[in-house]
C-alpha atoms as a PDB file:
ATOM      1  CA  MET A   1     129.219 121.780  16.598  1.00  0.00           C
ATOM      2  CA  ASN A   2     127.285 118.694  15.626  1.00  0.00           C
ATOM      3  CA  PRO A   3     129.357 116.997  12.909  1.00  0.00           C
ATOM      4  CA  ASP A   4     128.246 113.895  11.028  1.00  0.00           C
ATOM      5  CA  VAL A   5     131.791 113.039  10.001  1.00  0.00           C
ATOM      6  CA  LEU A   6     134.913 113.912  11.973  1.00  0.00           C
ATOM      7  CA  ALA A   7     138.513 113.511  10.740  1.00  0.00           C
ATOM      8  CA  LEU A   8     141.266 113.326  13.356  1.00  0.00           C
ATOM      9  CA  GLU A   9     144.979 113.850  13.225  1.00  0.00           C
ATOM     10  CA  GLU A  10     147.490 113.365  16.088  1.00  0.00           C
ATOM     11  CA  MET A  11     145.416 110.333  17.025  1.00  0.00           C
ATOM     12  CA  GLY A  12     146.809 107.788  19.429  1.00  0.00           C
ATOM     13  CA  THR A  13     146.154 104.064  19.472  1.00  0.00           C
ATOM     14  CA  THR A  14     142.902 102.345  18.548  1.00  0.00           C
ATOM     15  CA  ASN A  15     142.110 102.129  22.252  1.00  0.00           C
ATOM     16  CA  ALA A  16     142.466 105.912  22.497  1.00  0.00           C
ATOM     17  CA  LEU A  17     140.056 106.324  19.609  1.00  0.00           C
ATOM     18  CA  MET A  18     137.544 104.000  21.339  1.00  0.00           C
ATOM     19  CA  GLU A  19     137.857 106.080  24.512  1.00  0.00           C
ATOM     20  CA  LEU A  20     137.182 109.231  22.483  1.00  0.00           C
ATOM     21  CA  ARG A  21     134.136 107.629  20.884  1.00  0.00           C
ATOM     22  CA  ALA A  22     132.785 106.657  24.301  1.00  0.00           C
ATOM     23  CA  SER A  23     133.351 110.194  25.621  1.00  0.00           C
ATOM     24  CA  LEU A  24     131.591 111.713  22.639  1.00  0.00           C
ATOM     25  CA  LYS A  25     128.700 109.296  22.952  1.00  0.00           C
ATOM     26  CA  ALA A  26     128.290 110.282  26.613  1.00  0.00           C
ATOM     27  CA  GLU A  27     127.972 113.893  25.416  1.00  0.00           C
ATOM     28  CA  GLY A  28     125.267 112.922  22.889  1.00  0.00           C
ATOM     29  CA  GLN A  29     127.541 112.509  19.863  1.00  0.00           C
ATOM     30  CA  ASP A  30     127.372 108.875  18.703  1.00  0.00           C
ATOM     31  CA  PHE A  31     129.766 107.822  15.927  1.00  0.00           C
ATOM     32  CA  PRO A  32     129.092 104.121  15.320  1.00  0.00           C
ATOM     33  CA  PHE A  33     131.383 103.958  12.277  1.00  0.00           C
ATOM     34  CA  TRP A  34     135.135 104.554  12.442  1.00  0.00           C
ATOM     35  CA  GLU A  35     138.472 104.058  10.722  1.00  0.00           C
ATOM     36  CA  HIS A  36     141.981 104.136  12.262  1.00  0.00           C
ATOM     37  CA  VAL A  37     145.066 104.161  10.047  1.00  0.00           C
ATOM     38  CA  SER A  38     148.692 103.675  11.054  1.00  0.00           C
ATOM     39  CA  GLY A  39     151.617 104.667   8.855  1.00  0.00           C
ATOM     40  CA  ALA A  40     155.359 104.547   9.375  1.00  0.00           C
ATOM     41  CA  ASP A  41     155.033 106.765  12.439  1.00  0.00           C
ATOM     42  CA  THR A  42     154.158 104.414  15.285  1.00  0.00           C
ATOM     43  CA  ASN A  43     153.099 107.187  17.680  1.00  0.00           C
ATOM     44  CA  ILE A  44     150.480 109.286  15.934  1.00  0.00           C
ATOM     45  CA  HIS A  45     147.889 108.273  13.412  1.00  0.00           C
ATOM     46  CA  VAL A  46     144.874 109.485  11.433  1.00  0.00           C
ATOM     47  CA  ALA A  47     141.289 108.453  12.032  1.00  0.00           C
ATOM     48  CA  VAL A  48     137.740 109.073  10.905  1.00  0.00           C
ATOM     49  CA  LEU A  49     134.533 108.977  12.935  1.00  0.00           C
ATOM     50  CA  SER A  50     131.189 108.882  11.129  1.00  0.00           C
ATOM     51  CA  LYS A  51     127.522 108.831  11.964  1.00  0.00           C
ATOM     52  CA  PHE A  52     126.929 107.539   8.424  1.00  0.00           C
ATOM     53  CA  PRO A  53     127.906 104.028   7.299  1.00  0.00           C
ATOM     54  CA  ILE A  54     131.426 103.523   5.977  1.00  0.00           C
ATOM     55  CA  VAL A  55     130.793 101.273   3.005  1.00  0.00           C
ATOM     56  CA  ALA A  56     134.384 100.878   1.793  1.00  0.00           C
ATOM     57  CA  ARG A  57     137.858 101.362   3.218  1.00  0.00           C
ATOM     58  CA  HIS A  58     141.116 101.920   1.354  1.00  0.00           C
ATOM     59  CA  PRO A  59     143.822 102.593   3.951  1.00  0.00           C
ATOM     60  CA  HIS A  60     147.174 103.814   2.691  1.00  0.00           C
ATOM     61  CA  THR A  61     149.756 102.576   5.176  1.00  0.00           C
ATOM     62  CA  ASN A  62     152.904 101.892   3.164  1.00  0.00           C
ATOM     63  CA  ASP A  63     153.222 104.560   0.468  1.00  0.00           C
ATOM     64  CA  GLU A  64     156.760 105.598  -0.290  1.00  0.00           C
ATOM     65  CA  PHE A  65     158.748 108.021  -2.438  1.00  0.00           C
ATOM     66  CA  LEU A  66     162.303 108.833  -3.497  1.00  0.00           C
ATOM     67  CA  LEU A  67     164.037 112.042  -2.408  1.00  0.00           C
ATOM     68  CA  ASP A  68     167.670 112.718  -3.298  1.00  0.00           C
ATOM     69  CA  GLY A  69     168.130 109.025  -4.001  1.00  0.00           C
ATOM     70  CA  ARG A  70     166.764 107.896  -0.655  1.00  0.00           C
ATOM     71  CA  ARG A  71     163.487 106.072  -0.070  1.00  0.00           C
ATOM     72  CA  PHE A  72     161.037 107.487   2.449  1.00  0.00           C
ATOM     73  CA  HIS A  73     157.621 106.366   3.662  1.00  0.00           C
ATOM     74  CA  VAL A  74     154.612 108.666   4.084  1.00  0.00           C
ATOM     75  CA  SER A  75     154.870 109.115   7.827  1.00  0.00           C
ATOM     76  CA  ARG A  76     151.249 108.914   9.002  1.00  0.00           C
ATOM     77  CA  GLY A  77     149.576 107.213   6.066  1.00  0.00           C
ATOM     78  CA  PHE A  78     146.263 108.320   4.587  1.00  0.00           C
ATOM     79  CA  ALA A  79     142.783 107.262   5.679  1.00  0.00           C
ATOM     80  CA  GLU A  80     140.474 106.789   2.704  1.00  0.00           C
ATOM     81  CA  VAL A  81     136.843 105.801   3.231  1.00  0.00           C
ATOM     82  CA  GLU A  82     133.634 105.814   1.252  1.00  0.00           C
ATOM     83  CA  ILE A  83     130.704 107.150   3.258  1.00  0.00           C
ATOM     84  CA  GLN A  84     127.017 106.625   2.463  1.00  0.00           C
ATOM     85  CA  ALA A  85     125.368 109.844   3.590  1.00  0.00           C
ATOM     86  CA  ALA A  86     122.012 108.948   2.045  1.00  0.00           C
ATOM     87  CA  THR A  87     120.451 106.068   0.072  1.00  0.00           C
ATOM     88  CA  ASN A  88     121.586 107.567  -3.254  1.00  0.00           C
ATOM     89  CA  PHE A  89     124.529 109.675  -2.084  1.00  0.00           C
ATOM     90  CA  THR A  90     128.033 108.342  -1.362  1.00  0.00           C
ATOM     91  CA  PHE A  91     131.245 110.351  -1.182  1.00  0.00           C
ATOM     92  CA  THR A  92     134.940 109.540  -0.698  1.00  0.00           C
ATOM     93  CA  LEU A  93     136.866 111.140   2.161  1.00  0.00           C
ATOM     94  CA  ILE A  94     140.685 111.094   2.388  1.00  0.00           C
ATOM     95  CA  ALA A  95     142.252 112.304   5.642  1.00  0.00           C
ATOM     96  CA  ALA A  96     145.933 113.276   5.750  1.00  0.00           C
ATOM     97  CA  HIS A  97     148.521 114.549   8.176  1.00  0.00           C
ATOM     98  CA  LEU A  98     151.593 115.684   6.288  1.00  0.00           C
ATOM     99  CA  LYS A  99     155.147 116.070   7.590  1.00  0.00           C
ATOM    100  CA  SER A 100     155.465 118.693  10.302  1.00  0.00           C
ATOM    101  CA  ARG A 101     157.542 121.824   9.969  1.00  0.00           C
ATOM    102  CA  ARG A 102     159.966 120.467  12.534  1.00  0.00           C
ATOM    103  CA  PRO A 103     163.466 120.021  10.998  1.00  0.00           C
ATOM    104  CA  VAL A 104     164.781 116.479  10.804  1.00  0.00           C
ATOM    105  CA  PRO A 105     168.294 115.297   9.937  1.00  0.00           C
ATOM    106  CA  GLU A 106     167.184 112.909   7.200  1.00  0.00           C
ATOM    107  CA  ALA A 107     166.017 115.546   4.662  1.00  0.00           C
ATOM    108  CA  ASP A 108     164.527 119.030   4.298  1.00  0.00           C
ATOM    109  CA  GLU A 109     161.144 119.092   6.010  1.00  0.00           C
ATOM    110  CA  ALA A 110     159.485 121.135   3.224  1.00  0.00           C
ATOM    111  CA  GLU A 111     160.739 118.695   0.590  1.00  0.00           C
ATOM    112  CA  LEU A 112     159.433 115.735   2.589  1.00  0.00           C
ATOM    113  CA  ARG A 113     156.045 117.429   2.908  1.00  0.00           C
ATOM    114  CA  LEU A 114     155.965 118.220  -0.833  1.00  0.00           C
ATOM    115  CA  HIS A 115     156.695 114.650  -1.737  1.00  0.00           C
ATOM    116  CA  GLU A 116     154.018 113.357   0.647  1.00  0.00           C
ATOM    117  CA  ALA A 117     151.646 115.837  -1.013  1.00  0.00           C
ATOM    118  CA  ARG A 118     152.528 114.403  -4.416  1.00  0.00           C
ATOM    119  CA  VAL A 119     151.745 110.910  -3.226  1.00  0.00           C
ATOM    120  CA  LEU A 120     148.379 112.167  -1.915  1.00  0.00           C
ATOM    121  CA  ARG A 121     147.626 113.940  -5.179  1.00  0.00           C
ATOM    122  CA  GLY A 122     148.446 110.717  -7.014  1.00  0.00           C
ATOM    123  CA  ILE A 123     145.772 108.916  -4.996  1.00  0.00           C
ATOM    124  CA  VAL A 124     143.306 111.710  -5.845  1.00  0.00           C
ATOM    125  CA  ASP A 125     144.105 111.442  -9.546  1.00  0.00           C
ATOM    126  CA  GLU A 126     143.585 107.686  -9.471  1.00  0.00           C
ATOM    127  CA  ARG A 127     140.114 108.184  -7.987  1.00  0.00           C
ATOM    128  CA  PHE A 128     139.137 110.593 -10.737  1.00  0.00           C
ATOM    129  CA  LYS A 129     140.638 108.290 -13.356  1.00  0.00           C
ATOM    130  CA  ALA A 130     138.369 105.499 -12.095  1.00  0.00           C
ATOM    131  CA  ASN A 131     135.358 107.785 -11.734  1.00  0.00           C
ATOM    132  CA  PRO A 132     135.518 111.289 -13.271  1.00  0.00           C
ATOM    133  CA  ASN A 133     132.283 112.176 -11.408  1.00  0.00           C
ATOM    134  CA  ALA A 134     133.578 111.148  -7.984  1.00  0.00           C
ATOM    135  CA  LYS A 135     132.471 113.250  -5.025  1.00  0.00           C
ATOM    136  CA  LEU A 136     135.661 113.698  -3.061  1.00  0.00           C
ATOM    137  CA  ILE A 137     136.770 115.409   0.127  1.00  0.00           C
ATOM    138  CA  VAL A 138     140.503 115.683   0.961  1.00  0.00           C
ATOM    139  CA  LEU A 139     141.169 117.127   4.372  1.00  0.00           C
ATOM    140  CA  GLY A 140     143.515 117.166   7.305  1.00  0.00           C
ATOM    141  CA  ASP A 141     146.596 118.866   8.701  1.00  0.00           C
ATOM    142  CA  PHE A 142     148.733 119.859   5.698  1.00  0.00           C
ATOM    143  CA  ASN A 143     151.256 121.688   7.980  1.00  0.00           C
ATOM    144  CA  ASP A 144     151.854 124.456   5.454  1.00  0.00           C
ATOM    145  CA  THR A 145     150.528 127.773   4.168  1.00  0.00           C
ATOM    146  CA  LYS A 146     147.709 128.018   1.684  1.00  0.00           C
ATOM    147  CA  ASP A 147     150.106 129.228  -1.028  1.00  0.00           C
ATOM    148  CA  SER A 148     152.795 126.605  -0.402  1.00  0.00           C
ATOM    149  CA  ASN A 149     153.946 124.213  -3.049  1.00  0.00           C
ATOM    150  CA  SER A 150     152.668 121.216  -1.071  1.00  0.00           C
ATOM    151  CA  THR A 151     149.176 122.641  -0.689  1.00  0.00           C
ATOM    152  CA  LYS A 152     149.054 123.665  -4.344  1.00  0.00           C
ATOM    153  CA  GLU A 153     150.192 120.158  -5.296  1.00  0.00           C
ATOM    154  CA  ILE A 154     147.224 118.618  -3.500  1.00  0.00           C
ATOM    155  CA  ILE A 155     144.740 121.109  -4.996  1.00  0.00           C
ATOM    156  CA  GLY A 156     145.990 120.282  -8.460  1.00  0.00           C
ATOM    157  CA  ARG A 157     144.976 121.996 -11.683  1.00  0.00           C
ATOM    158  CA  GLY A 158     142.686 121.611 -14.654  1.00  0.00           C
ATOM    159  CA  LYS A 159     139.532 119.562 -14.811  1.00  0.00           C
ATOM    160  CA  PHE A 160     140.116 117.786 -11.524  1.00  0.00           C
ATOM    161  CA  LYS A 161     141.340 120.739  -9.454  1.00  0.00           C
ATOM    162  CA  LEU A 162     140.033 120.634  -5.897  1.00  0.00           C
ATOM    163  CA  THR A 163     138.142 123.529  -4.322  1.00  0.00           C
ATOM    164  CA  ASP A 164     139.433 125.175  -1.131  1.00  0.00           C
ATOM    165  CA  THR A 165     136.548 125.549   1.311  1.00  0.00           C
ATOM    166  CA  ARG A 166     138.045 128.360   3.310  1.00  0.00           C
ATOM    167  CA  PRO A 167     135.883 131.523   3.378  1.00  0.00           C
ATOM    168  CA  ALA A 168     138.461 133.324   1.273  1.00  0.00           C
ATOM    169  CA  SER A 169     137.905 130.935  -1.615  1.00  0.00           C
ATOM    170  CA  ALA A 170     135.587 132.529  -4.164  1.00  0.00           C
ATOM    171  CA  THR A 171     134.650 129.216  -5.757  1.00  0.00           C
ATOM    172  CA  ALA A 172     133.938 127.217  -2.645  1.00  0.00           C
ATOM    173  CA  SER A 173     130.329 128.294  -2.253  1.00  0.00           C
ATOM    174  CA  THR A 174     129.466 127.001  -5.728  1.00  0.00           C
ATOM    175  CA  CYS A 175     130.429 123.426  -4.771  1.00  0.00           C
ATOM    176  CA  PRO A 176     127.432 121.280  -3.701  1.00  0.00           C
ATOM    177  CA  LEU A 177     129.274 119.723  -0.742  1.00  0.00           C
ATOM    178  CA  HIS A 178     130.427 123.080   0.646  1.00  0.00           C
ATOM    179  CA  ARG A 179     127.275 123.931   2.568  1.00  0.00           C
ATOM    180  CA  HIS A 180     127.595 120.710   4.560  1.00  0.00           C
ATOM    181  CA  ILE A 181     131.192 121.347   5.615  1.00  0.00           C
ATOM    182  CA  SER A 182     132.437 123.122   8.748  1.00  0.00           C
ATOM    183  CA  ASN A 183     135.946 124.486   8.367  1.00  0.00           C
ATOM    184  CA  ARG A 184     136.261 126.483  11.576  1.00  0.00           C
ATOM    185  CA  ALA A 185     139.772 125.298  12.408  1.00  0.00           C
ATOM    186  CA  THR A 186     141.328 125.923   9.009  1.00  0.00           C
ATOM    187  CA  TRP A 187     143.481 129.015   9.382  1.00  0.00           C
ATOM    188  CA  ARG A 188     145.883 129.754  12.211  1.00  0.00           C
ATOM    189  CA  GLY A 189     147.373 132.854  10.654  1.00  0.00           C
ATOM    190  CA  PRO A 190     150.447 133.319   8.442  1.00  0.00           C
ATOM    191  CA  ILE A 191     152.439 130.407   9.826  1.00  0.00           C
ATOM    192  CA  SER A 192     150.515 127.323   8.843  1.00  0.00           C
ATOM    193  CA  THR A 193     147.363 125.967   7.268  1.00  0.00           C
ATOM    194  CA  ALA A 194     146.493 123.781  10.197  1.00  0.00           C
ATOM    195  CA  ARG A 195     143.451 122.010   8.942  1.00  0.00           C
ATOM    196  CA  THR A 196     142.329 122.302   5.365  1.00  0.00           C
ATOM    197  CA  ILE A 197     139.316 120.924   3.539  1.00  0.00           C
ATOM    198  CA  LEU A 198     139.405 120.521  -0.211  1.00  0.00           C
ATOM    199  CA  ILE A 199     136.435 119.233  -2.200  1.00  0.00           C
ATOM    200  CA  ARG A 200     135.182 118.337  -5.637  1.00  0.00           C
ATOM    201  CA  ALA A 201     131.587 117.404  -6.271  1.00  0.00           C
END
């Protein structure tokens, strides 16, 4: 693979990201532009590496929601960057890592994941409200199946519904950004949608 933009979940510290960049550069993959976002989880983060300039950054590090009367934070935050792929072509990329399927005592893990997905979809809707013609990629580890409520929540519906880039998606190939996207790590089988790429262009 020879990606121009790489989104990372389960990322460690900024130093770990710099070490990864150095290792990739030694292998001929130079990513001069990068973003590292920390959320409520202090151990794992999300990051973006890019060969193209990152012209704007909108990190989401403190989003919260109510569940059964309790306030929770989006655990890993969301990385949102605007990338200039050509002189006259810029797109927005949002990288996410939703709540894992591991049970936790605080609340039901599926409900936590669904609420994080709703926060993410809210960010997507705000982007389209500001610019109905926005070119947008939402990707990451959604930790759920393709037919789950949380994944459907992110995809949305109506005019601003996102397109699933998995090969099984009949509409993906009609999206202009689709031919530039590699989605090799999307499907792990019936258990989880490990890494999913959703687009609208």
